[in-house]
PDB file of N, CA and C in Angstrom:
ATOM      1  N   MET A   1     114.382  79.260  82.827  1.00  0.00           N
ATOM      2  CA  MET A   1     114.436  80.549  83.470  1.00  0.00           C
ATOM      3  C   MET A   1     114.450  80.326  84.988  1.00  0.00           C
ATOM      4  N   PRO A   2     115.330  81.010  85.700  1.00  0.00           N
ATOM      5  CA  PRO A   2     115.358  80.850  87.162  1.00  0.00           C
ATOM      6  C   PRO A   2     114.056  81.315  87.801  1.00  0.00           C
ATOM      7  N   ARG A   3     113.739  80.710  88.916  1.00  0.00           N
ATOM      8  CA  ARG A   3     112.470  80.983  89.597  1.00  0.00           C
ATOM      9  C   ARG A   3     112.357  82.448  90.020  1.00  0.00           C
ATOM     10  N   ARG A   4     113.468  83.073  90.433  1.00  0.00           N
ATOM     11  CA  ARG A   4     113.372  84.456  90.900  1.00  0.00           C
ATOM     12  C   ARG A   4     112.986  85.399  89.770  1.00  0.00           C
ATOM     13  N   TYR A   5     113.454  85.122  88.538  1.00  0.00           N
ATOM     14  CA  TYR A   5     113.062  85.951  87.412  1.00  0.00           C
ATOM     15  C   TYR A   5     111.617  85.690  87.020  1.00  0.00           C
ATOM     16  N   GLN A   6     111.193  84.455  87.103  1.00  0.00           N
ATOM     17  CA  GLN A   6     109.814  84.120  86.778  1.00  0.00           C
ATOM     18  C   GLN A   6     108.864  84.825  87.744  1.00  0.00           C
ATOM     19  N   PHE A   7     109.242  84.905  89.007  1.00  0.00           N
ATOM     20  CA  PHE A   7     108.424  85.574  90.016  1.00  0.00           C
ATOM     21  C   PHE A   7     108.269  87.059  89.683  1.00  0.00           C
ATOM     22  N   ILE A   8     109.342  87.687  89.227  1.00  0.00           N
ATOM     23  CA  ILE A   8     109.293  89.108  88.870  1.00  0.00           C
ATOM     24  C   ILE A   8     108.476  89.311  87.599  1.00  0.00           C
ATOM     25  N   PHE A   9     108.653  88.436  86.614  1.00  0.00           N
ATOM     26  CA  PHE A   9     107.892  88.571  85.374  1.00  0.00           C
ATOM     27  C   PHE A   9     106.403  88.335  85.595  1.00  0.00           C
ATOM     28  N   GLU A  10     106.052  87.428  86.500  1.00  0.00           N
ATOM     29  CA  GLU A  10     104.639  87.216  86.824  1.00  0.00           C
ATOM     30  C   GLU A  10     104.048  88.467  87.459  1.00  0.00           C
ATOM     31  N   ALA A  11     104.789  89.103  88.349  1.00  0.00           N
ATOM     32  CA  ALA A  11     104.305  90.333  88.977  1.00  0.00           C
ATOM     33  C   ALA A  11     104.147  91.442  87.944  1.00  0.00           C
ATOM     34  N   ALA A  12     105.082  91.546  87.013  1.00  0.00           N
ATOM     35  CA  ALA A  12     104.974  92.552  85.955  1.00  0.00           C
ATOM     36  C   ALA A  12     103.782  92.265  85.048  1.00  0.00           C
ATOM     37  N   ALA A  13     103.509  90.995  84.784  1.00  0.00           N
ATOM     38  CA  ALA A  13     102.363  90.637  83.945  1.00  0.00           C
ATOM     39  C   ALA A  13     101.048  90.972  84.641  1.00  0.00           C
ATOM     40  N   ILE A  14     100.973  90.702  85.933  1.00  0.00           N
ATOM     41  CA  ILE A  14      99.757  91.020  86.691  1.00  0.00           C
ATOM     42  C   ILE A  14      99.507  92.519  86.685  1.00  0.00           C
ATOM     43  N   SER A  15     100.551  93.299  86.929  1.00  0.00           N
ATOM     44  CA  SER A  15     100.373  94.748  86.956  1.00  0.00           C
ATOM     45  C   SER A  15     100.081  95.296  85.561  1.00  0.00           C
ATOM     46  N   SER A  16     100.595  94.660  84.523  1.00  0.00           N
ATOM     47  CA  SER A  16     100.274  95.090  83.159  1.00  0.00           C
ATOM     48  C   SER A  16      98.806  94.853  82.840  1.00  0.00           C
ATOM     49  N   ILE A  17      98.278  93.741  83.291  1.00  0.00           N
ATOM     50  CA  ILE A  17      96.852  93.460  83.087  1.00  0.00           C
ATOM     51  C   ILE A  17      96.002  94.489  83.823  1.00  0.00           C
ATOM     52  N   ILE A  18      96.392  94.821  85.046  1.00  0.00           N
ATOM     53  CA  ILE A  18      95.667  95.843  85.809  1.00  0.00           C
ATOM     54  C   ILE A  18      95.710  97.179  85.083  1.00  0.00           C
ATOM     55  N   MET A  19      96.874  97.532  84.527  1.00  0.00           N
ATOM     56  CA  MET A  19      97.014  98.794  83.821  1.00  0.00           C
ATOM     57  C   MET A  19      96.142  98.827  82.566  1.00  0.00           C
ATOM     58  N   VAL A  20      96.092  97.732  81.825  1.00  0.00           N
ATOM     59  CA  VAL A  20      95.272  97.686  80.611  1.00  0.00           C
ATOM     60  C   VAL A  20      93.796  97.821  80.964  1.00  0.00           C
ATOM     61  N   ILE A  21      93.369  97.180  82.029  1.00  0.00           N
ATOM     62  CA  ILE A  21      91.974  97.306  82.467  1.00  0.00           C
ATOM     63  C   ILE A  21      91.670  98.747  82.843  1.00  0.00           C
ATOM     64  N   ASP A  22      92.600  99.406  83.538  1.00  0.00           N
ATOM     65  CA  ASP A  22      92.394 100.809  83.897  1.00  0.00           C
ATOM     66  C   ASP A  22      92.379 101.712  82.670  1.00  0.00           C
ATOM     67  N   LEU A  23      93.212 101.413  81.690  1.00  0.00           N
ATOM     68  CA  LEU A  23      93.192 102.191  80.451  1.00  0.00           C
ATOM     69  C   LEU A  23      91.858 102.050  79.729  1.00  0.00           C
ATOM     70  N   LEU A  24      91.343 100.833  79.650  1.00  0.00           N
ATOM     71  CA  LEU A  24      90.037 100.628  79.016  1.00  0.00           C
ATOM     72  C   LEU A  24      88.938 101.344  79.787  1.00  0.00           C
ATOM     73  N   PHE A  25      89.018 101.292  81.115  1.00  0.00           N
ATOM     74  CA  PHE A  25      88.059 102.008  81.957  1.00  0.00           C
ATOM     75  C   PHE A  25      88.149 103.513  81.704  1.00  0.00           C
ATOM     76  N   GLY A  26      89.361 104.024  81.595  1.00  0.00           N
ATOM     77  CA  GLY A  26      89.551 105.445  81.325  1.00  0.00           C
ATOM     78  C   GLY A  26      89.039 105.846  79.955  1.00  0.00           C
ATOM     79  N   LEU A  27      89.255 105.001  78.960  1.00  0.00           N
ATOM     80  CA  LEU A  27      88.760 105.312  77.618  1.00  0.00           C
ATOM     81  C   LEU A  27      87.240 105.327  77.574  1.00  0.00           C
ATOM     82  N   ILE A  28      86.620 104.420  78.312  1.00  0.00           N
ATOM     83  CA  ILE A  28      85.155 104.412  78.377  1.00  0.00           C
ATOM     84  C   ILE A  28      84.646 105.674  79.061  1.00  0.00           C
ATOM     85  N   LEU A  29      85.331 106.099  80.129  1.00  0.00           N
ATOM     86  CA  LEU A  29      84.909 107.316  80.818  1.00  0.00           C
ATOM     87  C   LEU A  29      85.119 108.570  79.980  1.00  0.00           C
ATOM     88  N   LEU A  30      86.066 108.536  79.066  1.00  0.00           N
ATOM     89  CA  LEU A  30      86.296 109.703  78.215  1.00  0.00           C
ATOM     90  C   LEU A  30      85.120 109.987  77.289  1.00  0.00           C
ATOM     91  N   PHE A  31      84.323 108.968  76.987  1.00  0.00           N
ATOM     92  CA  PHE A  31      83.132 109.217  76.177  1.00  0.00           C
ATOM     93  C   PHE A  31      82.126 110.068  76.938  1.00  0.00           C
ATOM     94  N   GLY A  32      82.057 109.897  78.252  1.00  0.00           N
ATOM     95  CA  GLY A  32      81.132 110.683  79.059  1.00  0.00           C
ATOM     96  C   GLY A  32      81.685 112.033  79.469  1.00  0.00           C
ATOM     97  N   PHE A  33      82.991 112.114  79.665  1.00  0.00           N
ATOM     98  CA  PHE A  33      83.647 113.353  80.088  1.00  0.00           C
ATOM     99  C   PHE A  33      84.787 113.662  79.120  1.00  0.00           C
ATOM    100  N   PRO A  34      84.477 114.264  77.980  1.00  0.00           N
ATOM    101  CA  PRO A  34      85.510 114.436  76.957  1.00  0.00           C
ATOM    102  C   PRO A  34      86.630 115.394  77.353  1.00  0.00           C
ATOM    103  N   GLY A  35      86.438 116.234  78.339  1.00  0.00           N
ATOM    104  CA  GLY A  35      87.479 117.185  78.731  1.00  0.00           C
ATOM    105  C   GLY A  35      88.497 116.616  79.691  1.00  0.00           C
ATOM    106  N   ALA A  36      88.246 115.441  80.212  1.00  0.00           N
ATOM    107  CA  ALA A  36      89.151 114.848  81.201  1.00  0.00           C
ATOM    108  C   ALA A  36      90.406 114.319  80.519  1.00  0.00           C
ATOM    109  N   SER A  37      91.480 114.259  81.282  1.00  0.00           N
ATOM    110  CA  SER A  37      92.735 113.732  80.761  1.00  0.00           C
ATOM    111  C   SER A  37      92.832 112.242  81.081  1.00  0.00           C
ATOM    112  N   LEU A  38      93.099 111.460  80.074  1.00  0.00           N
ATOM    113  CA  LEU A  38      93.200 110.013  80.254  1.00  0.00           C
ATOM    114  C   LEU A  38      94.355 109.660  81.176  1.00  0.00           C
ATOM    115  N   PHE A  39      95.478 110.339  81.013  1.00  0.00           N
ATOM    116  CA  PHE A  39      96.659 110.001  81.795  1.00  0.00           C
ATOM    117  C   PHE A  39      96.471 110.312  83.276  1.00  0.00           C
ATOM    118  N   VAL A  40      95.828 111.434  83.579  1.00  0.00           N
ATOM    119  CA  VAL A  40      95.577 111.786  84.981  1.00  0.00           C
ATOM    120  C   VAL A  40      94.587 110.811  85.596  1.00  0.00           C
ATOM    121  N   LEU A  41      93.544 110.485  84.858  1.00  0.00           N
ATOM    122  CA  LEU A  41      92.538 109.554  85.360  1.00  0.00           C
ATOM    123  C   LEU A  41      93.144 108.187  85.656  1.00  0.00           C
ATOM    124  N   VAL A  42      93.906 107.661  84.719  1.00  0.00           N
ATOM    125  CA  VAL A  42      94.490 106.331  84.896  1.00  0.00           C
ATOM    126  C   VAL A  42      95.527 106.340  86.011  1.00  0.00           C
ATOM    127  N   SER A  43      96.345 107.390  86.089  1.00  0.00           N
ATOM    128  CA  SER A  43      97.360 107.425  87.148  1.00  0.00           C
ATOM    129  C   SER A  43      96.715 107.534  88.523  1.00  0.00           C
ATOM    130  N   ASN A  44      95.627 108.278  88.646  1.00  0.00           N
ATOM    131  CA  ASN A  44      94.942 108.367  89.939  1.00  0.00           C
ATOM    132  C   ASN A  44      94.335 107.030  90.345  1.00  0.00           C
ATOM    133  N   VAL A  45      93.737 106.336  89.399  1.00  0.00           N
ATOM    134  CA  VAL A  45      93.161 105.027  89.703  1.00  0.00           C
ATOM    135  C   VAL A  45      94.261 104.033  90.066  1.00  0.00           C
ATOM    136  N   LEU A  46      95.395 104.100  89.371  1.00  0.00           N
ATOM    137  CA  LEU A  46      96.502 103.194  89.673  1.00  0.00           C
ATOM    138  C   LEU A  46      97.082 103.452  91.060  1.00  0.00           C
ATOM    139  N   VAL A  47      97.126 104.708  91.485  1.00  0.00           N
ATOM    140  CA  VAL A  47      97.632 105.008  92.832  1.00  0.00           C
ATOM    141  C   VAL A  47      96.683 104.452  93.892  1.00  0.00           C
ATOM    142  N   ILE A  48      95.384 104.560  93.650  1.00  0.00           N
ATOM    143  CA  ILE A  48      94.414 103.988  94.588  1.00  0.00           C
ATOM    144  C   ILE A  48      94.562 102.468  94.637  1.00  0.00           C
ATOM    145  N   GLU A  49      94.730 101.842  93.485  1.00  0.00           N
ATOM    146  CA  GLU A  49      94.929 100.391  93.456  1.00  0.00           C
ATOM    147  C   GLU A  49      96.245  99.998  94.115  1.00  0.00           C
ATOM    148  N   PHE A  50      97.264 100.837  93.994  1.00  0.00           N
ATOM    149  CA  PHE A  50      98.537 100.582  94.664  1.00  0.00           C
ATOM    150  C   PHE A  50      98.332 100.509  96.170  1.00  0.00           C
ATOM    151  N   GLY A  51      97.575 101.453  96.718  1.00  0.00           N
ATOM    152  CA  GLY A  51      97.309 101.436  98.158  1.00  0.00           C
ATOM    153  C   GLY A  51      96.526 100.210  98.588  1.00  0.00           C
ATOM    154  N   ALA A  52      95.524  99.848  97.807  1.00  0.00           N
ATOM    155  CA  ALA A  52      94.735  98.660  98.147  1.00  0.00           C
ATOM    156  C   ALA A  52      95.582  97.395  98.065  1.00  0.00           C
ATOM    157  N   MET A  53      96.460  97.327  97.075  1.00  0.00           N
ATOM    158  CA  MET A  53      97.326  96.151  96.943  1.00  0.00           C
ATOM    159  C   MET A  53      98.341  96.085  98.077  1.00  0.00           C
ATOM    160  N   LEU A  54      98.827  97.240  98.533  1.00  0.00           N
ATOM    161  CA  LEU A  54      99.744  97.241  99.675  1.00  0.00           C
ATOM    162  C   LEU A  54      99.064  96.713 100.929  1.00  0.00           C
ATOM    163  N   ILE A  55      97.844  97.155 101.160  1.00  0.00           N
ATOM    164  CA  ILE A  55      97.116  96.701 102.344  1.00  0.00           C
ATOM    165  C   ILE A  55      96.845  95.201 102.257  1.00  0.00           C
ATOM    166  N   LEU A  56      96.344  94.754 101.120  1.00  0.00           N
ATOM    167  CA  LEU A  56      96.029  93.331 100.952  1.00  0.00           C
ATOM    168  C   LEU A  56      97.284  92.464 101.032  1.00  0.00           C
ATOM    169  N   GLY A  57      98.333  92.868 100.347  1.00  0.00           N
ATOM    170  CA  GLY A  57      99.573  92.096 100.378  1.00  0.00           C
ATOM    171  C   GLY A  57     100.199  92.065 101.757  1.00  0.00           C
ATOM    172  N   GLY A  58     100.140  93.183 102.474  1.00  0.00           N
ATOM    173  CA  GLY A  58     100.679  93.215 103.834  1.00  0.00           C
ATOM    174  C   GLY A  58      99.894  92.330 104.785  1.00  0.00           C
ATOM    175  N   CYS A  59      98.575  92.331 104.637  1.00  0.00           N
ATOM    176  CA  CYS A  59      97.756  91.464 105.497  1.00  0.00           C
ATOM    177  C   CYS A  59      98.037  89.988 105.228  1.00  0.00           C
ATOM    178  N   LEU A  60      98.213  89.633 103.972  1.00  0.00           N
ATOM    179  CA  LEU A  60      98.506  88.234 103.653  1.00  0.00           C
ATOM    180  C   LEU A  60      99.915  87.848 104.093  1.00  0.00           C
ATOM    181  N   MET A  61     100.862  88.761 103.978  1.00  0.00           N
ATOM    182  CA  MET A  61     102.231  88.464 104.410  1.00  0.00           C
ATOM    183  C   MET A  61     102.321  88.345 105.927  1.00  0.00           C
ATOM    184  N   ALA A  62     101.399  88.976 106.640  1.00  0.00           N
ATOM    185  CA  ALA A  62     101.409  88.886 108.101  1.00  0.00           C
ATOM    186  C   ALA A  62     101.089  87.473 108.573  1.00  0.00           C
ATOM    187  N   ARG A  63     100.506  86.663 107.724  1.00  0.00           N
ATOM    188  CA  ARG A  63     100.167  85.284 108.084  1.00  0.00           C
ATOM    189  C   ARG A  63     101.339  84.332 107.901  1.00  0.00           C
ATOM    190  N   GLN A  64     102.474  84.853 107.463  1.00  0.00           N
ATOM    191  CA  GLN A  64     103.629  84.003 107.166  1.00  0.00           C
ATOM    192  C   GLN A  64     104.169  83.344 108.429  1.00  0.00           C
ATOM    193  N   PRO A  65     104.299  82.020 108.424  1.00  0.00           N
ATOM    194  CA  PRO A  65     104.907  81.338 109.570  1.00  0.00           C
ATOM    195  C   PRO A  65     106.396  81.680 109.654  1.00  0.00           C
ATOM    196  N   LEU A  66     106.843  82.047 110.843  1.00  0.00           N
ATOM    197  CA  LEU A  66     108.234  82.454 111.004  1.00  0.00           C
ATOM    198  C   LEU A  66     109.172  81.266 111.164  1.00  0.00           C
ATOM    199  N   VAL A  67     108.638  80.145 111.598  1.00  0.00           N
ATOM    200  CA  VAL A  67     109.444  78.937 111.774  1.00  0.00           C
ATOM    201  C   VAL A  67     109.286  78.077 110.523  1.00  0.00           C
ATOM    202  N   ASP A  68     110.394  77.597 109.990  1.00  0.00           N
ATOM    203  CA  ASP A  68     110.345  76.820 108.744  1.00  0.00           C
ATOM    204  C   ASP A  68     109.511  75.553 108.870  1.00  0.00           C
ATOM    205  N   GLU A  69     109.478  74.958 110.046  1.00  0.00           N
ATOM    206  CA  GLU A  69     108.727  73.713 110.226  1.00  0.00           C
ATOM    207  C   GLU A  69     107.222  73.929 110.103  1.00  0.00           C
ATOM    208  N   LEU A  70     106.756  75.148 110.377  1.00  0.00           N
ATOM    209  CA  LEU A  70     105.324  75.428 110.301  1.00  0.00           C
ATOM    210  C   LEU A  70     104.869  75.780 108.886  1.00  0.00           C
ATOM    211  N   ARG A  71     105.785  75.878 107.952  1.00  0.00           N
ATOM    212  CA  ARG A  71     105.421  76.224 106.581  1.00  0.00           C
ATOM    213  C   ARG A  71     104.891  75.029 105.803  1.00  0.00           C
ATOM    214  N   TYR A  72     105.197  73.838 106.252  1.00  0.00           N
ATOM    215  CA  TYR A  72     104.767  72.625 105.555  1.00  0.00           C
ATOM    216  C   TYR A  72     104.122  71.676 106.552  1.00  0.00           C
ATOM    217  N   ASP A  73     103.109  70.949 106.095  1.00  0.00           N
ATOM    218  CA  ASP A  73     102.452  69.984 106.975  1.00  0.00           C
ATOM    219  C   ASP A  73     103.231  68.668 106.977  1.00  0.00           C
ATOM    220  N   ASN A  74     102.658  67.661 107.609  1.00  0.00           N
ATOM    221  CA  ASN A  74     103.346  66.369 107.728  1.00  0.00           C
ATOM    222  C   ASN A  74     103.559  65.680 106.381  1.00  0.00           C
ATOM    223  N   ALA A  75     102.679  65.943 105.425  1.00  0.00           N
ATOM    224  CA  ALA A  75     102.799  65.328 104.099  1.00  0.00           C
ATOM    225  C   ALA A  75     103.791  66.071 103.205  1.00  0.00           C
ATOM    226  N   GLY A  76     104.314  67.192 103.664  1.00  0.00           N
ATOM    227  CA  GLY A  76     105.267  67.963 102.872  1.00  0.00           C
ATOM    228  C   GLY A  76     104.637  69.017 101.990  1.00  0.00           C
ATOM    229  N   LYS A  77     103.323  69.188 102.113  1.00  0.00           N
ATOM    230  CA  LYS A  77     102.636  70.202 101.327  1.00  0.00           C
ATOM    231  C   LYS A  77     102.659  71.530 102.082  1.00  0.00           C
ATOM    232  N   PRO A  78     102.685  72.651 101.352  1.00  0.00           N
ATOM    233  CA  PRO A  78     102.659  73.950 102.029  1.00  0.00           C
ATOM    234  C   PRO A  78     101.331  74.164 102.756  1.00  0.00           C
ATOM    235  N   THR A  79     101.410  74.765 103.931  1.00  0.00           N
ATOM    236  CA  THR A  79     100.193  75.054 104.684  1.00  0.00           C
ATOM    237  C   THR A  79      99.456  76.226 104.036  1.00  0.00           C
ATOM    238  N   LYS A  80      98.215  76.422 104.448  1.00  0.00           N
ATOM    239  CA  LYS A  80      97.410  77.503 103.889  1.00  0.00           C
ATOM    240  C   LYS A  80      98.027  78.855 104.212  1.00  0.00           C
ATOM    241  N   ALA A  81      98.550  79.012 105.419  1.00  0.00           N
ATOM    242  CA  ALA A  81      99.168  80.280 105.807  1.00  0.00           C
ATOM    243  C   ALA A  81     100.379  80.591 104.933  1.00  0.00           C
ATOM    244  N   TRP A  82     101.161  79.583 104.620  1.00  0.00           N
ATOM    245  CA  TRP A  82     102.339  79.801 103.785  1.00  0.00           C
ATOM    246  C   TRP A  82     101.944  80.135 102.349  1.00  0.00           C
ATOM    247  N   ARG A  83     100.912  79.456 101.821  1.00  0.00           N
ATOM    248  CA  ARG A  83     100.446  79.760 100.463  1.00  0.00           C
ATOM    249  C   ARG A  83      99.910  81.183 100.379  1.00  0.00           C
ATOM    250  N   LEU A  84      99.169  81.611 101.397  1.00  0.00           N
ATOM    251  CA  LEU A  84      98.655  82.978 101.405  1.00  0.00           C
ATOM    252  C   LEU A  84      99.779  83.994 101.534  1.00  0.00           C
ATOM    253  N   ALA A  85     100.815  83.664 102.291  1.00  0.00           N
ATOM    254  CA  ALA A  85     101.957  84.569 102.424  1.00  0.00           C
ATOM    255  C   ALA A  85     102.696  84.719 101.097  1.00  0.00           C
ATOM    256  N   VAL A  86     102.808  83.640 100.345  1.00  0.00           N
ATOM    257  CA  VAL A  86     103.457  83.716  99.032  1.00  0.00           C
ATOM    258  C   VAL A  86     102.613  84.555  98.078  1.00  0.00           C
ATOM    259  N   GLN A  87     101.291  84.406  98.139  1.00  0.00           N
ATOM    260  CA  GLN A  87     100.417  85.243  97.315  1.00  0.00           C
ATOM    261  C   GLN A  87     100.517  86.706  97.735  1.00  0.00           C
ATOM    262  N   GLY A  88     100.639  86.951  99.036  1.00  0.00           N
ATOM    263  CA  GLY A  88     100.814  88.317  99.517  1.00  0.00           C
ATOM    264  C   GLY A  88     102.099  88.935  99.015  1.00  0.00           C
ATOM    265  N   ARG A  89     103.160  88.135  98.968  1.00  0.00           N
ATOM    266  CA  ARG A  89     104.432  88.631  98.436  1.00  0.00           C
ATOM    267  C   ARG A  89     104.286  88.971  96.956  1.00  0.00           C
ATOM    268  N   GLN A  90     103.539  88.152  96.222  1.00  0.00           N
ATOM    269  CA  GLN A  90     103.299  88.420  94.805  1.00  0.00           C
ATOM    270  C   GLN A  90     102.501  89.712  94.632  1.00  0.00           C
ATOM    271  N   ILE A  91     101.520  89.931  95.483  1.00  0.00           N
ATOM    272  CA  ILE A  91     100.716  91.147  95.409  1.00  0.00           C
ATOM    273  C   ILE A  91     101.564  92.367  95.739  1.00  0.00           C
ATOM    274  N   LEU A  92     102.435  92.258  96.748  1.00  0.00           N
ATOM    275  CA  LEU A  92     103.302  93.383  97.098  1.00  0.00           C
ATOM    276  C   LEU A  92     104.253  93.730  95.959  1.00  0.00           C
ATOM    277  N   LEU A  93     104.812  92.727  95.325  1.00  0.00           N
ATOM    278  CA  LEU A  93     105.712  92.992  94.200  1.00  0.00           C
ATOM    279  C   LEU A  93     104.939  93.572  93.017  1.00  0.00           C
ATOM    280  N   SER A  94     103.737  93.094  92.784  1.00  0.00           N
ATOM    281  CA  SER A  94     102.909  93.643  91.704  1.00  0.00           C
ATOM    282  C   SER A  94     102.528  95.089  91.985  1.00  0.00           C
ATOM    283  N   SER A  95     102.334  95.416  93.256  1.00  0.00           N
ATOM    284  CA  SER A  95     101.968  96.791  93.595  1.00  0.00           C
ATOM    285  C   SER A  95     103.095  97.761  93.264  1.00  0.00           C
ATOM    286  N   ILE A  96     104.335  97.318  93.358  1.00  0.00           N
ATOM    287  CA  ILE A  96     105.455  98.188  92.982  1.00  0.00           C
ATOM    288  C   ILE A  96     105.399  98.495  91.489  1.00  0.00           C
ATOM    289  N   PHE A  97     105.102  97.489  90.679  1.00  0.00           N
ATOM    290  CA  PHE A  97     104.979  97.719  89.244  1.00  0.00           C
ATOM    291  C   PHE A  97     103.770  98.599  88.926  1.00  0.00           C
ATOM    292  N   VAL A  98     102.691  98.464  89.675  1.00  0.00           N
ATOM    293  CA  VAL A  98     101.525  99.328  89.473  1.00  0.00           C
ATOM    294  C   VAL A  98     101.901 100.776  89.763  1.00  0.00           C
ATOM    295  N   LEU A  99     102.662 101.001  90.824  1.00  0.00           N
ATOM    296  CA  LEU A  99     103.104 102.360  91.137  1.00  0.00           C
ATOM    297  C   LEU A  99     104.027 102.898  90.044  1.00  0.00           C
ATOM    298  N   LEU A 100     104.880 102.059  89.491  1.00  0.00           N
ATOM    299  CA  LEU A 100     105.753 102.498  88.400  1.00  0.00           C
ATOM    300  C   LEU A 100     104.949 102.855  87.150  1.00  0.00           C
ATOM    301  N   PHE A 101     103.892 102.103  86.867  1.00  0.00           N
ATOM    302  CA  PHE A 101     103.026 102.455  85.741  1.00  0.00           C
ATOM    303  C   PHE A 101     102.314 103.783  86.001  1.00  0.00           C
ATOM    304  N   ALA A 102     101.878 104.013  87.234  1.00  0.00           N
ATOM    305  CA  ALA A 102     101.244 105.290  87.572  1.00  0.00           C
ATOM    306  C   ALA A 102     102.235 106.434  87.376  1.00  0.00           C
ATOM    307  N   LEU A 103     103.476 106.227  87.799  1.00  0.00           N
ATOM    308  CA  LEU A 103     104.509 107.242  87.605  1.00  0.00           C
ATOM    309  C   LEU A 103     104.761 107.481  86.119  1.00  0.00           C
ATOM    310  N   LEU A 104     104.735 106.426  85.331  1.00  0.00           N
ATOM    311  CA  LEU A 104     104.914 106.564  83.888  1.00  0.00           C
ATOM    312  C   LEU A 104     103.812 107.427  83.279  1.00  0.00           C
ATOM    313  N   PHE A 105     102.574 107.214  83.697  1.00  0.00           N
ATOM    314  CA  PHE A 105     101.471 108.014  83.169  1.00  0.00           C
ATOM    315  C   PHE A 105     101.568 109.467  83.611  1.00  0.00           C
ATOM    316  N   VAL A 106     102.041 109.713  84.822  1.00  0.00           N
ATOM    317  CA  VAL A 106     102.234 111.094  85.275  1.00  0.00           C
ATOM    318  C   VAL A 106     103.324 111.768  84.448  1.00  0.00           C
ATOM    319  N   LEU A 107     104.410 111.046  84.188  1.00  0.00           N
ATOM    320  CA  LEU A 107     105.489 111.615  83.378  1.00  0.00           C
ATOM    321  C   LEU A 107     105.031 111.892  81.949  1.00  0.00           C
ATOM    322  N   VAL A 108     104.231 111.004  81.385  1.00  0.00           N
ATOM    323  CA  VAL A 108     103.708 111.229  80.031  1.00  0.00           C
ATOM    324  C   VAL A 108     102.785 112.439  80.028  1.00  0.00           C
ATOM    325  N   GLU A 109     101.967 112.560  81.052  1.00  0.00           N
ATOM    326  CA  GLU A 109     101.058 113.706  81.149  1.00  0.00           C
ATOM    327  C   GLU A 109     101.848 115.008  81.222  1.00  0.00           C
ATOM    328  N   ASN A 110     102.893 115.036  82.030  1.00  0.00           N
ATOM    329  CA  ASN A 110     103.674 116.261  82.184  1.00  0.00           C
ATOM    330  C   ASN A 110     104.507 116.571  80.946  1.00  0.00           C
ATOM    331  N   SER A 111     104.993 115.553  80.279  1.00  0.00           N
ATOM    332  CA  SER A 111     105.813 115.813  79.090  1.00  0.00           C
ATOM    333  C   SER A 111     104.964 116.261  77.904  1.00  0.00           C
ATOM    334  N   LEU A 112     103.740 115.749  77.812  1.00  0.00           N
ATOM    335  CA  LEU A 112     102.857 116.173  76.725  1.00  0.00           C
ATOM    336  C   LEU A 112     102.204 117.513  77.013  1.00  0.00           C
ATOM    337  N   GLY A 113     102.038 117.823  78.293  1.00  0.00           N
ATOM    338  CA  GLY A 113     101.417 119.089  78.663  1.00  0.00           C
ATOM    339  C   GLY A 113      99.957 119.167  78.284  1.00  0.00           C
ATOM    340  N   VAL A 114      99.290 118.048  78.298  1.00  0.00           N
ATOM    341  CA  VAL A 114      97.878 118.005  77.903  1.00  0.00           C
ATOM    342  C   VAL A 114      97.008 118.464  79.042  1.00  0.00           C
TER     343      VAL A 114
END
């Protein structure tokens, strides 16, 4: 599998794990508040997580070295700033999938009319 597809699938997997955790959190909260809507609760939490992931990913991407020579040290290993920038890019891409999952839950809520 090409690396660019693997990068996208990893981001989708990360956001899927986040969504499942939020669903479990929402189901647990439904025991305490039976009148609440699961879809609204999960979509609101996902939007908040989307914002936090944007901030975190943007801060990590800001550390990206702009010159190619500064991305690797003398031994040829990636520098810490470059590794953090790559993680920031992964977080930013995952945040897009988190927002899409939030949109999916809003659409399900509106289509069911619950």
